[in-house]
Amino acid sequence: MTENEIATIILDKSFEIHRNLGPGLLESVYERALEYELLQAGLIVDAQLPVPLVYKEIKFEAGFRLDLLVENKVIVEVKAVETLAPVHFAQTLTYLKLSGHKLGLLLNFNTKMLKDGIHRLANGL
């Protein structure tokens, strides 16, 4: 499956979750619900995946954690905030760059219309 095909499934499931739950819950609720829906769809999902990081001579076992990594191709960063800040976009792009993945979805479930909370970010590698 391509990154775009995976992203389509992720977005379909995200819309389903938002339709059923609406805005206003904790990020962890949306993250777990999305993990469940993607697993039910037959996708491989790693949740809260620690990613090792090396900075010069310092080795971190878990330099950062990905909310969801789907099919080892698409990073999903889940938010439930009033407004996404520039740092949320920068964080997702940094995760893409440091992990070597090409596509990330930044999803803010705390919106009246989920389409307003969807942001697709790509790593040019």
PDB file of N, CA and C in Angstrom:
ATOM      1  N   MET A   1       0.837  -1.186   0.000  1.00  0.00           N
ATOM      2  CA  MET A   1       0.000   0.000   0.000  1.00  0.00           C
ATOM      3  C   MET A   1       0.885   1.254   0.000  1.00  0.00           C
ATOM      4  N   THR A   2       0.482   2.242  -0.729  1.00  0.00           N
ATOM      5  CA  THR A   2       1.240   3.490  -0.770  1.00  0.00           C
ATOM      6  C   THR A   2       0.875   4.365   0.427  1.00  0.00           C
ATOM      7  N   GLU A   3       1.697   5.373   0.658  1.00  0.00           N
ATOM      8  CA  GLU A   3       1.411   6.328   1.725  1.00  0.00           C
ATOM      9  C   GLU A   3       0.059   6.995   1.518  1.00  0.00           C
ATOM     10  N   ASN A   4      -0.253   7.325   0.271  1.00  0.00           N
ATOM     11  CA  ASN A   4      -1.531   7.983  -0.013  1.00  0.00           C
ATOM     12  C   ASN A   4      -2.723   7.076   0.264  1.00  0.00           C
ATOM     13  N   GLU A   5      -2.607   5.804  -0.076  1.00  0.00           N
ATOM     14  CA  GLU A   5      -3.690   4.856   0.200  1.00  0.00           C
ATOM     15  C   GLU A   5      -3.891   4.694   1.711  1.00  0.00           C
ATOM     16  N   ILE A   6      -2.791   4.619   2.440  1.00  0.00           N
ATOM     17  CA  ILE A   6      -2.868   4.510   3.909  1.00  0.00           C
ATOM     18  C   ILE A   6      -3.494   5.771   4.488  1.00  0.00           C
ATOM     19  N   ALA A   7      -3.070   6.933   3.995  1.00  0.00           N
ATOM     20  CA  ALA A   7      -3.609   8.203   4.489  1.00  0.00           C
ATOM     21  C   ALA A   7      -5.107   8.293   4.267  1.00  0.00           C
ATOM     22  N   THR A   8      -5.585   7.796   3.143  1.00  0.00           N
ATOM     23  CA  THR A   8      -7.025   7.810   2.856  1.00  0.00           C
ATOM     24  C   THR A   8      -7.789   7.006   3.900  1.00  0.00           C
ATOM     25  N   ILE A   9      -7.283   5.837   4.243  1.00  0.00           N
ATOM     26  CA  ILE A   9      -7.941   5.013   5.271  1.00  0.00           C
ATOM     27  C   ILE A   9      -7.903   5.718   6.618  1.00  0.00           C
ATOM     28  N   ILE A  10      -6.752   6.294   6.970  1.00  0.00           N
ATOM     29  CA  ILE A  10      -6.616   7.015   8.248  1.00  0.00           C
ATOM     30  C   ILE A  10      -7.641   8.134   8.318  1.00  0.00           C
ATOM     31  N   LEU A  11      -7.767   8.886   7.254  1.00  0.00           N
ATOM     32  CA  LEU A  11      -8.713  10.005   7.256  1.00  0.00           C
ATOM     33  C   LEU A  11     -10.158   9.526   7.310  1.00  0.00           C
ATOM     34  N   ASP A  12     -10.489   8.472   6.579  1.00  0.00           N
ATOM     35  CA  ASP A  12     -11.847   7.916   6.642  1.00  0.00           C
ATOM     36  C   ASP A  12     -12.197   7.517   8.072  1.00  0.00           C
ATOM     37  N   LYS A  13     -11.280   6.841   8.743  1.00  0.00           N
ATOM     38  CA  LYS A  13     -11.520   6.396  10.119  1.00  0.00           C
ATOM     39  C   LYS A  13     -11.571   7.588  11.075  1.00  0.00           C
ATOM     40  N   SER A  14     -10.771   8.606  10.809  1.00  0.00           N
ATOM     41  CA  SER A  14     -10.782   9.808  11.657  1.00  0.00           C
ATOM     42  C   SER A  14     -12.128  10.518  11.564  1.00  0.00           C
ATOM     43  N   PHE A  15     -12.665  10.614  10.345  1.00  0.00           N
ATOM     44  CA  PHE A  15     -13.988  11.224  10.178  1.00  0.00           C
ATOM     45  C   PHE A  15     -15.053  10.415  10.915  1.00  0.00           C
ATOM     46  N   GLU A  16     -14.960   9.112  10.856  1.00  0.00           N
ATOM     47  CA  GLU A  16     -15.916   8.250  11.560  1.00  0.00           C
ATOM     48  C   GLU A  16     -15.858   8.495  13.070  1.00  0.00           C
ATOM     49  N   ILE A  17     -14.661   8.560  13.599  1.00  0.00           N
ATOM     50  CA  ILE A  17     -14.476   8.798  15.036  1.00  0.00           C
ATOM     51  C   ILE A  17     -15.030  10.159  15.416  1.00  0.00           C
ATOM     52  N   HIS A  18     -14.710  11.179  14.635  1.00  0.00           N
ATOM     53  CA  HIS A  18     -15.171  12.534  14.954  1.00  0.00           C
ATOM     54  C   HIS A  18     -16.687  12.622  14.862  1.00  0.00           C
ATOM     55  N   ARG A  19     -17.263  11.929  13.890  1.00  0.00           N
ATOM     56  CA  ARG A  19     -18.726  11.912  13.741  1.00  0.00           C
ATOM     57  C   ARG A  19     -19.380  11.281  14.976  1.00  0.00           C
ATOM     58  N   ASN A  20     -18.765  10.225  15.502  1.00  0.00           N
ATOM     59  CA  ASN A  20     -19.329   9.513  16.653  1.00  0.00           C
ATOM     60  C   ASN A  20     -19.043  10.169  17.995  1.00  0.00           C
ATOM     61  N   LEU A  21     -17.860  10.724  18.157  1.00  0.00           N
ATOM     62  CA  LEU A  21     -17.469  11.275  19.457  1.00  0.00           C
ATOM     63  C   LEU A  21     -17.548  12.791  19.538  1.00  0.00           C
ATOM     64  N   GLY A  22     -17.338  13.467  18.418  1.00  0.00           N
ATOM     65  CA  GLY A  22     -17.321  14.925  18.422  1.00  0.00           C
ATOM     66  C   GLY A  22     -16.066  15.469  19.062  1.00  0.00           C
ATOM     67  N   PRO A  23     -15.944  16.798  19.130  1.00  0.00           N
ATOM     68  CA  PRO A  23     -14.778  17.432  19.742  1.00  0.00           C
ATOM     69  C   PRO A  23     -14.894  17.479  21.263  1.00  0.00           C
ATOM     70  N   GLY A  24     -13.784  17.830  21.920  1.00  0.00           N
ATOM     71  CA  GLY A  24     -13.833  18.109  23.357  1.00  0.00           C
ATOM     72  C   GLY A  24     -13.262  17.043  24.272  1.00  0.00           C
ATOM     73  N   LEU A  25     -12.796  15.933  23.723  1.00  0.00           N
ATOM     74  CA  LEU A  25     -12.236  14.871  24.567  1.00  0.00           C
ATOM     75  C   LEU A  25     -10.717  14.974  24.615  1.00  0.00           C
ATOM     76  N   LEU A  26     -10.110  14.142  25.423  1.00  0.00           N
ATOM     77  CA  LEU A  26      -8.654  14.119  25.529  1.00  0.00           C
ATOM     78  C   LEU A  26      -8.031  13.516  24.274  1.00  0.00           C
ATOM     79  N   GLU A  27      -6.814  13.958  23.976  1.00  0.00           N
ATOM     80  CA  GLU A  27      -6.082  13.408  22.831  1.00  0.00           C
ATOM     81  C   GLU A  27      -5.989  11.890  22.913  1.00  0.00           C
ATOM     82  N   SER A  28      -5.767  11.381  24.114  1.00  0.00           N
ATOM     83  CA  SER A  28      -5.579   9.940  24.285  1.00  0.00           C
ATOM     84  C   SER A  28      -6.810   9.150  23.846  1.00  0.00           C
ATOM     85  N   VAL A  29      -7.995   9.718  23.984  1.00  0.00           N
ATOM     86  CA  VAL A  29      -9.225   9.052  23.551  1.00  0.00           C
ATOM     87  C   VAL A  29      -9.230   8.917  22.035  1.00  0.00           C
ATOM     88  N   TYR A  30      -8.940  10.006  21.347  1.00  0.00           N
ATOM     89  CA  TYR A  30      -8.932   9.975  19.880  1.00  0.00           C
ATOM     90  C   TYR A  30      -7.812   9.068  19.357  1.00  0.00           C
ATOM     91  N   GLU A  31      -6.663   9.142  19.999  1.00  0.00           N
ATOM     92  CA  GLU A  31      -5.535   8.311  19.569  1.00  0.00           C
ATOM     93  C   GLU A  31      -5.866   6.828  19.702  1.00  0.00           C
ATOM     94  N   ARG A  32      -6.437   6.455  20.835  1.00  0.00           N
ATOM     95  CA  ARG A  32      -6.774   5.040  21.059  1.00  0.00           C
ATOM     96  C   ARG A  32      -7.896   4.591  20.129  1.00  0.00           C
ATOM     97  N   ALA A  33      -8.880   5.452  19.920  1.00  0.00           N
ATOM     98  CA  ALA A  33      -9.984   5.114  19.010  1.00  0.00           C
ATOM     99  C   ALA A  33      -9.468   4.941  17.586  1.00  0.00           C
ATOM    100  N   LEU A  34      -8.549   5.803  17.173  1.00  0.00           N
ATOM    101  CA  LEU A  34      -7.994   5.696  15.829  1.00  0.00           C
ATOM    102  C   LEU A  34      -7.138   4.435  15.697  1.00  0.00           C
ATOM    103  N   GLU A  35      -6.362   4.145  16.709  1.00  0.00           N
ATOM    104  CA  GLU A  35      -5.584   2.903  16.698  1.00  0.00           C
ATOM    105  C   GLU A  35      -6.515   1.697  16.534  1.00  0.00           C
ATOM    106  N   TYR A  36      -7.574   1.670  17.317  1.00  0.00           N
ATOM    107  CA  TYR A  36      -8.547   0.572  17.248  1.00  0.00           C
ATOM    108  C   TYR A  36      -9.143   0.445  15.840  1.00  0.00           C
ATOM    109  N   GLU A  37      -9.615   1.556  15.292  1.00  0.00           N
ATOM    110  CA  GLU A  37     -10.261   1.527  13.975  1.00  0.00           C
ATOM    111  C   GLU A  37      -9.297   1.073  12.884  1.00  0.00           C
ATOM    112  N   LEU A  38      -8.055   1.521  12.960  1.00  0.00           N
ATOM    113  CA  LEU A  38      -7.070   1.130  11.946  1.00  0.00           C
ATOM    114  C   LEU A  38      -6.704  -0.342  12.067  1.00  0.00           C
ATOM    115  N   LEU A  39      -6.596  -0.836  13.291  1.00  0.00           N
ATOM    116  CA  LEU A  39      -6.342  -2.263  13.488  1.00  0.00           C
ATOM    117  C   LEU A  39      -7.513  -3.086  12.957  1.00  0.00           C
ATOM    118  N   GLN A  40      -8.741  -2.624  13.208  1.00  0.00           N
ATOM    119  CA  GLN A  40      -9.928  -3.312  12.705  1.00  0.00           C
ATOM    120  C   GLN A  40      -9.961  -3.328  11.170  1.00  0.00           C
ATOM    121  N   ALA A  41      -9.339  -2.313  10.570  1.00  0.00           N
ATOM    122  CA  ALA A  41      -9.279  -2.236   9.108  1.00  0.00           C
ATOM    123  C   ALA A  41      -8.152  -3.108   8.540  1.00  0.00           C
ATOM    124  N   GLY A  42      -7.433  -3.768   9.433  1.00  0.00           N
ATOM    125  CA  GLY A  42      -6.388  -4.688   8.997  1.00  0.00           C
ATOM    126  C   GLY A  42      -5.019  -4.068   8.794  1.00  0.00           C
ATOM    127  N   LEU A  43      -4.845  -2.842   9.281  1.00  0.00           N
ATOM    128  CA  LEU A  43      -3.552  -2.175   9.136  1.00  0.00           C
ATOM    129  C   LEU A  43      -2.651  -2.471  10.336  1.00  0.00           C
ATOM    130  N   ILE A  44      -1.361  -2.389  10.104  1.00  0.00           N
ATOM    131  CA  ILE A  44      -0.378  -2.527  11.183  1.00  0.00           C
ATOM    132  C   ILE A  44      -0.199  -1.155  11.804  1.00  0.00           C
ATOM    133  N   VAL A  45      -0.398  -1.079  13.126  1.00  0.00           N
ATOM    134  CA  VAL A  45      -0.333   0.203  13.825  1.00  0.00           C
ATOM    135  C   VAL A  45       0.556   0.069  15.056  1.00  0.00           C
ATOM    136  N   ASP A  46       1.518   0.971  15.164  1.00  0.00           N
ATOM    137  CA  ASP A  46       2.330   1.076  16.375  1.00  0.00           C
ATOM    138  C   ASP A  46       1.915   2.358  17.075  1.00  0.00           C
ATOM    139  N   ALA A  47       1.521   2.245  18.348  1.00  0.00           N
ATOM    140  CA  ALA A  47       1.087   3.401  19.123  1.00  0.00           C
ATOM    141  C   ALA A  47       2.147   3.779  20.143  1.00  0.00           C
ATOM    142  N   GLN A  48       2.326   5.091  20.327  1.00  0.00           N
ATOM    143  CA  GLN A  48       3.305   5.619  21.270  1.00  0.00           C
ATOM    144  C   GLN A  48       4.661   4.941  21.059  1.00  0.00           C
ATOM    145  N   LEU A  49       5.071   4.891  19.812  1.00  0.00           N
ATOM    146  CA  LEU A  49       6.288   4.198  19.411  1.00  0.00           C
ATOM    147  C   LEU A  49       7.517   5.026  19.759  1.00  0.00           C
ATOM    148  N   PRO A  50       8.371   4.505  20.659  1.00  0.00           N
ATOM    149  CA  PRO A  50       9.605   5.232  20.968  1.00  0.00           C
ATOM    150  C   PRO A  50      10.585   5.132  19.792  1.00  0.00           C
ATOM    151  N   VAL A  51      11.177   6.245  19.437  1.00  0.00           N
ATOM    152  CA  VAL A  51      12.121   6.281  18.327  1.00  0.00           C
ATOM    153  C   VAL A  51      13.490   6.660  18.879  1.00  0.00           C
ATOM    154  N   PRO A  52      14.485   5.804  18.678  1.00  0.00           N
ATOM    155  CA  PRO A  52      15.832   6.126  19.152  1.00  0.00           C
ATOM    156  C   PRO A  52      16.390   7.336  18.414  1.00  0.00           C
ATOM    157  N   LEU A  53      17.281   8.033  19.070  1.00  0.00           N
ATOM    158  CA  LEU A  53      17.851   9.247  18.503  1.00  0.00           C
ATOM    159  C   LEU A  53      19.308   9.340  18.914  1.00  0.00           C
ATOM    160  N   VAL A  54      20.135   9.729  17.979  1.00  0.00           N
ATOM    161  CA  VAL A  54      21.543   9.970  18.279  1.00  0.00           C
ATOM    162  C   VAL A  54      21.846  11.423  17.975  1.00  0.00           C
ATOM    163  N   TYR A  55      22.371  12.097  18.971  1.00  0.00           N
ATOM    164  CA  TYR A  55      22.831  13.474  18.795  1.00  0.00           C
ATOM    165  C   TYR A  55      24.307  13.492  19.155  1.00  0.00           C
ATOM    166  N   LYS A  56      25.128  13.694  18.140  1.00  0.00           N
ATOM    167  CA  LYS A  56      26.574  13.634  18.295  1.00  0.00           C
ATOM    168  C   LYS A  56      26.950  12.315  18.950  1.00  0.00           C
ATOM    169  N   GLU A  57      27.441  12.329  20.171  1.00  0.00           N
ATOM    170  CA  GLU A  57      27.832  11.090  20.843  1.00  0.00           C
ATOM    171  C   GLU A  57      26.812  10.633  21.883  1.00  0.00           C
ATOM    172  N   ILE A  58      25.679  11.323  21.938  1.00  0.00           N
ATOM    173  CA  ILE A  58      24.650  10.988  22.921  1.00  0.00           C
ATOM    174  C   ILE A  58      23.597  10.112  22.256  1.00  0.00           C
ATOM    175  N   LYS A  59      23.346   8.959  22.842  1.00  0.00           N
ATOM    176  CA  LYS A  59      22.341   8.041  22.306  1.00  0.00           C
ATOM    177  C   LYS A  59      21.132   8.016  23.236  1.00  0.00           C
ATOM    178  N   PHE A  60      19.971   8.274  22.665  1.00  0.00           N
ATOM    179  CA  PHE A  60      18.713   8.236  23.405  1.00  0.00           C
ATOM    180  C   PHE A  60      17.939   6.997  22.968  1.00  0.00           C
ATOM    181  N   GLU A  61      17.519   6.199  23.923  1.00  0.00           N
ATOM    182  CA  GLU A  61      16.679   5.031  23.599  1.00  0.00           C
ATOM    183  C   GLU A  61      15.350   5.487  23.008  1.00  0.00           C
ATOM    184  N   ALA A  62      14.831   6.555  23.562  1.00  0.00           N
ATOM    185  CA  ALA A  62      13.559   7.112  23.075  1.00  0.00           C
ATOM    186  C   ALA A  62      13.716   8.626  22.983  1.00  0.00           C
ATOM    187  N   GLY A  63      14.226   9.077  21.845  1.00  0.00           N
ATOM    188  CA  GLY A  63      14.402  10.506  21.638  1.00  0.00           C
ATOM    189  C   GLY A  63      13.065  11.226  21.525  1.00  0.00           C
ATOM    190  N   PHE A  64      12.077  10.515  21.004  1.00  0.00           N
ATOM    191  CA  PHE A  64      10.710  11.033  20.911  1.00  0.00           C
ATOM    192  C   PHE A  64       9.781   9.853  20.690  1.00  0.00           C
ATOM    193  N   ARG A  65       8.482  10.101  20.801  1.00  0.00           N
ATOM    194  CA  ARG A  65       7.477   9.049  20.603  1.00  0.00           C
ATOM    195  C   ARG A  65       6.496   9.490  19.521  1.00  0.00           C
ATOM    196  N   LEU A  66       6.238   8.569  18.610  1.00  0.00           N
ATOM    197  CA  LEU A  66       5.231   8.814  17.585  1.00  0.00           C
ATOM    198  C   LEU A  66       3.874   8.408  18.149  1.00  0.00           C
ATOM    199  N   ASP A  67       2.872   9.261  18.007  1.00  0.00           N
ATOM    200  CA  ASP A  67       1.530   8.886  18.465  1.00  0.00           C
ATOM    201  C   ASP A  67       1.117   7.588  17.783  1.00  0.00           C
ATOM    202  N   LEU A  68       1.132   7.598  16.449  1.00  0.00           N
ATOM    203  CA  LEU A  68       0.818   6.394  15.674  1.00  0.00           C
ATOM    204  C   LEU A  68       1.734   6.326  14.463  1.00  0.00           C
ATOM    205  N   LEU A  69       2.205   5.133  14.180  1.00  0.00           N
ATOM    206  CA  LEU A  69       2.912   4.854  12.933  1.00  0.00           C
ATOM    207  C   LEU A  69       2.121   3.751  12.248  1.00  0.00           C
ATOM    208  N   VAL A  70       1.601   4.045  11.064  1.00  0.00           N
ATOM    209  CA  VAL A  70       0.704   3.130  10.368  1.00  0.00           C
ATOM    210  C   VAL A  70       1.438   2.483   9.185  1.00  0.00           C
ATOM    211  N   GLU A  71       1.428   1.151   9.184  1.00  0.00           N
ATOM    212  CA  GLU A  71       2.061   0.366   8.126  1.00  0.00           C
ATOM    213  C   GLU A  71       3.536   0.737   7.949  1.00  0.00           C
ATOM    214  N   ASN A  72       4.153   1.208   9.019  1.00  0.00           N
ATOM    215  CA  ASN A  72       5.560   1.623   9.008  1.00  0.00           C
ATOM    216  C   ASN A  72       5.840   2.656   7.915  1.00  0.00           C
ATOM    217  N   LYS A  73       4.791   3.444   7.556  1.00  0.00           N
ATOM    218  CA  LYS A  73       4.942   4.426   6.483  1.00  0.00           C
ATOM    219  C   LYS A  73       4.408   5.807   6.815  1.00  0.00           C
ATOM    220  N   VAL A  74       3.305   5.879   7.544  1.00  0.00           N
ATOM    221  CA  VAL A  74       2.646   7.169   7.769  1.00  0.00           C
ATOM    222  C   VAL A  74       2.615   7.477   9.268  1.00  0.00           C
ATOM    223  N   ILE A  75       3.154   8.646   9.616  1.00  0.00           N
ATOM    224  CA  ILE A  75       3.121   9.119  11.000  1.00  0.00           C
ATOM    225  C   ILE A  75       1.824   9.891  11.211  1.00  0.00           C
ATOM    226  N   VAL A  76       1.148   9.608  12.321  1.00  0.00           N
ATOM    227  CA  VAL A  76      -0.057  10.353  12.681  1.00  0.00           C
ATOM    228  C   VAL A  76       0.198  11.014  14.027  1.00  0.00           C
ATOM    229  N   GLU A  77       0.109  12.332  14.042  1.00  0.00           N
ATOM    230  CA  GLU A  77       0.247  13.104  15.276  1.00  0.00           C
ATOM    231  C   GLU A  77      -1.154  13.577  15.638  1.00  0.00           C
ATOM    232  N   VAL A  78      -1.659  13.121  16.778  1.00  0.00           N
ATOM    233  CA  VAL A  78      -3.026  13.419  17.205  1.00  0.00           C
ATOM    234  C   VAL A  78      -3.016  14.566  18.211  1.00  0.00           C
ATOM    235  N   LYS A  79      -3.866  15.541  17.981  1.00  0.00           N
ATOM    236  CA  LYS A  79      -4.023  16.675  18.886  1.00  0.00           C
ATOM    237  C   LYS A  79      -5.499  16.859  19.207  1.00  0.00           C
ATOM    238  N   ALA A  80      -5.749  17.495  20.320  1.00  0.00           N
ATOM    239  CA  ALA A  80      -7.101  17.900  20.711  1.00  0.00           C
ATOM    240  C   ALA A  80      -6.966  19.255  21.405  1.00  0.00           C
ATOM    241  N   VAL A  81      -6.629  20.261  20.612  1.00  0.00           N
ATOM    242  CA  VAL A  81      -6.361  21.592  21.137  1.00  0.00           C
ATOM    243  C   VAL A  81      -7.271  22.611  20.458  1.00  0.00           C
ATOM    244  N   GLU A  82      -7.406  23.763  21.104  1.00  0.00           N
ATOM    245  CA  GLU A  82      -8.269  24.798  20.540  1.00  0.00           C
ATOM    246  C   GLU A  82      -7.764  25.257  19.175  1.00  0.00           C
ATOM    247  N   THR A  83      -6.467  25.503  19.100  1.00  0.00           N
ATOM    248  CA  THR A  83      -5.852  25.940  17.857  1.00  0.00           C
ATOM    249  C   THR A  83      -4.466  25.326  17.733  1.00  0.00           C
ATOM    250  N   LEU A  84      -4.164  24.792  16.579  1.00  0.00           N
ATOM    251  CA  LEU A  84      -2.815  24.283  16.353  1.00  0.00           C
ATOM    252  C   LEU A  84      -1.846  25.457  16.289  1.00  0.00           C
ATOM    253  N   ALA A  85      -0.702  25.283  16.918  1.00  0.00           N
ATOM    254  CA  ALA A  85       0.343  26.299  16.915  1.00  0.00           C
ATOM    255  C   ALA A  85       1.415  25.912  15.903  1.00  0.00           C
ATOM    256  N   PRO A  86       2.214  26.865  15.468  1.00  0.00           N
ATOM    257  CA  PRO A  86       3.310  26.544  14.548  1.00  0.00           C
ATOM    258  C   PRO A  86       4.212  25.419  15.062  1.00  0.00           C
ATOM    259  N   VAL A  87       4.376  25.317  16.368  1.00  0.00           N
ATOM    260  CA  VAL A  87       5.234  24.264  16.922  1.00  0.00           C
ATOM    261  C   VAL A  87       4.679  22.869  16.644  1.00  0.00           C
ATOM    262  N   HIS A  88       3.371  22.721  16.526  1.00  0.00           N
ATOM    263  CA  HIS A  88       2.776  21.419  16.216  1.00  0.00           C
ATOM    264  C   HIS A  88       3.188  20.961  14.811  1.00  0.00           C
ATOM    265  N   PHE A  89       3.216  21.894  13.884  1.00  0.00           N
ATOM    266  CA  PHE A  89       3.647  21.586  12.516  1.00  0.00           C
ATOM    267  C   PHE A  89       5.141  21.268  12.502  1.00  0.00           C
ATOM    268  N   ALA A  90       5.919  22.089  13.209  1.00  0.00           N
ATOM    269  CA  ALA A  90       7.367  21.881  13.283  1.00  0.00           C
ATOM    270  C   ALA A  90       7.690  20.530  13.922  1.00  0.00           C
ATOM    271  N   GLN A  91       6.956  20.183  14.968  1.00  0.00           N
ATOM    272  CA  GLN A  91       7.156  18.905  15.660  1.00  0.00           C
ATOM    273  C   GLN A  91       6.929  17.740  14.692  1.00  0.00           C
ATOM    274  N   THR A  92       5.846  17.786  13.945  1.00  0.00           N
ATOM    275  CA  THR A  92       5.530  16.705  13.012  1.00  0.00           C
ATOM    276  C   THR A  92       6.580  16.611  11.913  1.00  0.00           C
ATOM    277  N   LEU A  93       7.013  17.746  11.396  1.00  0.00           N
ATOM    278  CA  LEU A  93       8.059  17.743  10.369  1.00  0.00           C
ATOM    279  C   LEU A  93       9.378  17.207  10.917  1.00  0.00           C
ATOM    280  N   THR A  94       9.700  17.552  12.156  1.00  0.00           N
ATOM    281  CA  THR A  94      10.917  17.030  12.787  1.00  0.00           C
ATOM    282  C   THR A  94      10.827  15.524  12.937  1.00  0.00           C
ATOM    283  N   TYR A  95       9.674  15.022  13.356  1.00  0.00           N
ATOM    284  CA  TYR A  95       9.480  13.576  13.488  1.00  0.00           C
ATOM    285  C   TYR A  95       9.679  12.877  12.141  1.00  0.00           C
ATOM    286  N   LEU A  96       9.143  13.478  11.080  1.00  0.00           N
ATOM    287  CA  LEU A  96       9.309  12.902   9.747  1.00  0.00           C
ATOM    288  C   LEU A  96      10.789  12.860   9.357  1.00  0.00           C
ATOM    289  N   LYS A  97      11.448  13.972   9.546  1.00  0.00           N
ATOM    290  CA  LYS A  97      12.857  14.078   9.170  1.00  0.00           C
ATOM    291  C   LYS A  97      13.721  13.084   9.944  1.00  0.00           C
ATOM    292  N   LEU A  98      13.551  13.056  11.267  1.00  0.00           N
ATOM    293  CA  LEU A  98      14.409  12.212  12.106  1.00  0.00           C
ATOM    294  C   LEU A  98      14.094  10.724  11.979  1.00  0.00           C
ATOM    295  N   SER A  99      12.870  10.397  11.608  1.00  0.00           N
ATOM    296  CA  SER A  99      12.507   8.981  11.478  1.00  0.00           C
ATOM    297  C   SER A  99      12.696   8.467  10.056  1.00  0.00           C
ATOM    298  N   GLY A 100      12.846   9.392   9.100  1.00  0.00           N
ATOM    299  CA  GLY A 100      13.037   8.991   7.715  1.00  0.00           C
ATOM    300  C   GLY A 100      11.756   8.631   6.982  1.00  0.00           C
ATOM    301  N   HIS A 101      10.615   8.967   7.552  1.00  0.00           N
ATOM    302  CA  HIS A 101       9.341   8.699   6.876  1.00  0.00           C
ATOM    303  C   HIS A 101       8.969   9.876   5.977  1.00  0.00           C
ATOM    304  N   LYS A 102       8.132   9.599   4.976  1.00  0.00           N
ATOM    305  CA  LYS A 102       7.800  10.613   3.981  1.00  0.00           C
ATOM    306  C   LYS A 102       6.539  11.403   4.278  1.00  0.00           C
ATOM    307  N   LEU A 103       5.550  10.770   4.930  1.00  0.00           N
ATOM    308  CA  LEU A 103       4.240  11.410   5.076  1.00  0.00           C
ATOM    309  C   LEU A 103       3.787  11.422   6.524  1.00  0.00           C
ATOM    310  N   GLY A 104       3.273  12.582   6.934  1.00  0.00           N
ATOM    311  CA  GLY A 104       2.706  12.715   8.270  1.00  0.00           C
ATOM    312  C   GLY A 104       1.351  13.389   8.192  1.00  0.00           C
ATOM    313  N   LEU A 105       0.466  12.968   9.078  1.00  0.00           N
ATOM    314  CA  LEU A 105      -0.837  13.609   9.212  1.00  0.00           C
ATOM    315  C   LEU A 105      -0.923  14.212  10.604  1.00  0.00           C
ATOM    316  N   LEU A 106      -1.171  15.500  10.667  1.00  0.00           N
ATOM    317  CA  LEU A 106      -1.393  16.199  11.923  1.00  0.00           C
ATOM    318  C   LEU A 106      -2.897  16.392  12.029  1.00  0.00           C
ATOM    319  N   LEU A 107      -3.509  15.702  12.991  1.00  0.00           N
ATOM    320  CA  LEU A 107      -4.965  15.707  13.120  1.00  0.00           C
ATOM    321  C   LEU A 107      -5.386  16.362  14.427  1.00  0.00           C
ATOM    322  N   ASN A 108      -6.149  17.437  14.338  1.00  0.00           N
ATOM    323  CA  ASN A 108      -6.694  18.091  15.522  1.00  0.00           C
ATOM    324  C   ASN A 108      -8.186  17.763  15.606  1.00  0.00           C
ATOM    325  N   PHE A 109      -8.528  16.903  16.567  1.00  0.00           N
ATOM    326  CA  PHE A 109      -9.916  16.461  16.716  1.00  0.00           C
ATOM    327  C   PHE A 109     -10.789  17.480  17.443  1.00  0.00           C
ATOM    328  N   ASN A 110     -10.189  18.532  17.989  1.00  0.00           N
ATOM    329  CA  ASN A 110     -10.967  19.515  18.746  1.00  0.00           C
ATOM    330  C   ASN A 110     -11.437  20.642  17.823  1.00  0.00           C
ATOM    331  N   THR A 111     -12.120  20.251  16.756  1.00  0.00           N
ATOM    332  CA  THR A 111     -12.675  21.215  15.814  1.00  0.00           C
ATOM    333  C   THR A 111     -14.135  20.838  15.548  1.00  0.00           C
ATOM    334  N   LYS A 112     -14.928  21.834  15.222  1.00  0.00           N
ATOM    335  CA  LYS A 112     -16.332  21.557  14.919  1.00  0.00           C
ATOM    336  C   LYS A 112     -16.430  20.682  13.673  1.00  0.00           C
ATOM    337  N   MET A 113     -15.637  21.011  12.660  1.00  0.00           N
ATOM    338  CA  MET A 113     -15.577  20.237  11.424  1.00  0.00           C
ATOM    339  C   MET A 113     -14.167  19.660  11.326  1.00  0.00           C
ATOM    340  N   LEU A 114     -14.044  18.355  11.334  1.00  0.00           N
ATOM    341  CA  LEU A 114     -12.720  17.726  11.340  1.00  0.00           C
ATOM    342  C   LEU A 114     -11.871  18.150  10.144  1.00  0.00           C
ATOM    343  N   LYS A 115     -12.497  18.417   9.004  1.00  0.00           N
ATOM    344  CA  LYS A 115     -11.724  18.820   7.819  1.00  0.00           C
ATOM    345  C   LYS A 115     -10.852  20.039   8.115  1.00  0.00           C
ATOM    346  N   ASP A 116     -11.268  20.875   9.067  1.00  0.00           N
ATOM    347  CA  ASP A 116     -10.488  22.053   9.444  1.00  0.00           C
ATOM    348  C   ASP A 116      -9.284  21.685  10.317  1.00  0.00           C
ATOM    349  N   GLY A 117      -9.259  20.467  10.845  1.00  0.00           N
ATOM    350  CA  GLY A 117      -8.177  20.041  11.723  1.00  0.00           C
ATOM    351  C   GLY A 117      -7.213  19.066  11.073  1.00  0.00           C
ATOM    352  N   ILE A 118      -7.329  18.858   9.772  1.00  0.00           N
ATOM    353  CA  ILE A 118      -6.477  17.903   9.063  1.00  0.00           C
ATOM    354  C   ILE A 118      -5.362  18.638   8.319  1.00  0.00           C
ATOM    355  N   HIS A 119      -4.135  18.204   8.579  1.00  0.00           N
ATOM    356  CA  HIS A 119      -2.977  18.785   7.901  1.00  0.00           C
ATOM    357  C   HIS A 119      -2.053  17.681   7.458  1.00  0.00           C
ATOM    358  N   ARG A 120      -1.725  17.706   6.204  1.00  0.00           N
ATOM    359  CA  ARG A 120      -0.845  16.714   5.591  1.00  0.00           C
ATOM    360  C   ARG A 120       0.538  17.351   5.454  1.00  0.00           C
ATOM    361  N   LEU A 121       1.559  16.652   5.969  1.00  0.00           N
ATOM    362  CA  LEU A 121       2.912  17.174   5.915  1.00  0.00           C
ATOM    363  C   LEU A 121       3.815  16.134   5.253  1.00  0.00           C
ATOM    364  N   ALA A 122       4.702  16.610   4.389  1.00  0.00           N
ATOM    365  CA  ALA A 122       5.582  15.685   3.675  1.00  0.00           C
ATOM    366  C   ALA A 122       7.039  16.031   3.940  1.00  0.00           C
ATOM    367  N   ASN A 123       7.839  14.982   3.983  1.00  0.00           N
ATOM    368  CA  ASN A 123       9.277  15.101   4.168  1.00  0.00           C
ATOM    369  C   ASN A 123       9.912  14.914   2.802  1.00  0.00           C
ATOM    370  N   GLY A 124      10.587  15.934   2.310  1.00  0.00           N
ATOM    371  CA  GLY A 124      11.208  15.850   0.999  1.00  0.00           C
ATOM    372  C   GLY A 124      12.346  14.851   0.916  1.00  0.00           C
ATOM    373  N   LEU A 125      12.852  14.396   2.062  1.00  0.00           N
ATOM    374  CA  LEU A 125      14.005  13.500   2.110  1.00  0.00           C
ATOM    375  C   LEU A 125      15.030  14.059   1.168  1.00  0.00           C
TER     376      LEU A 125
END
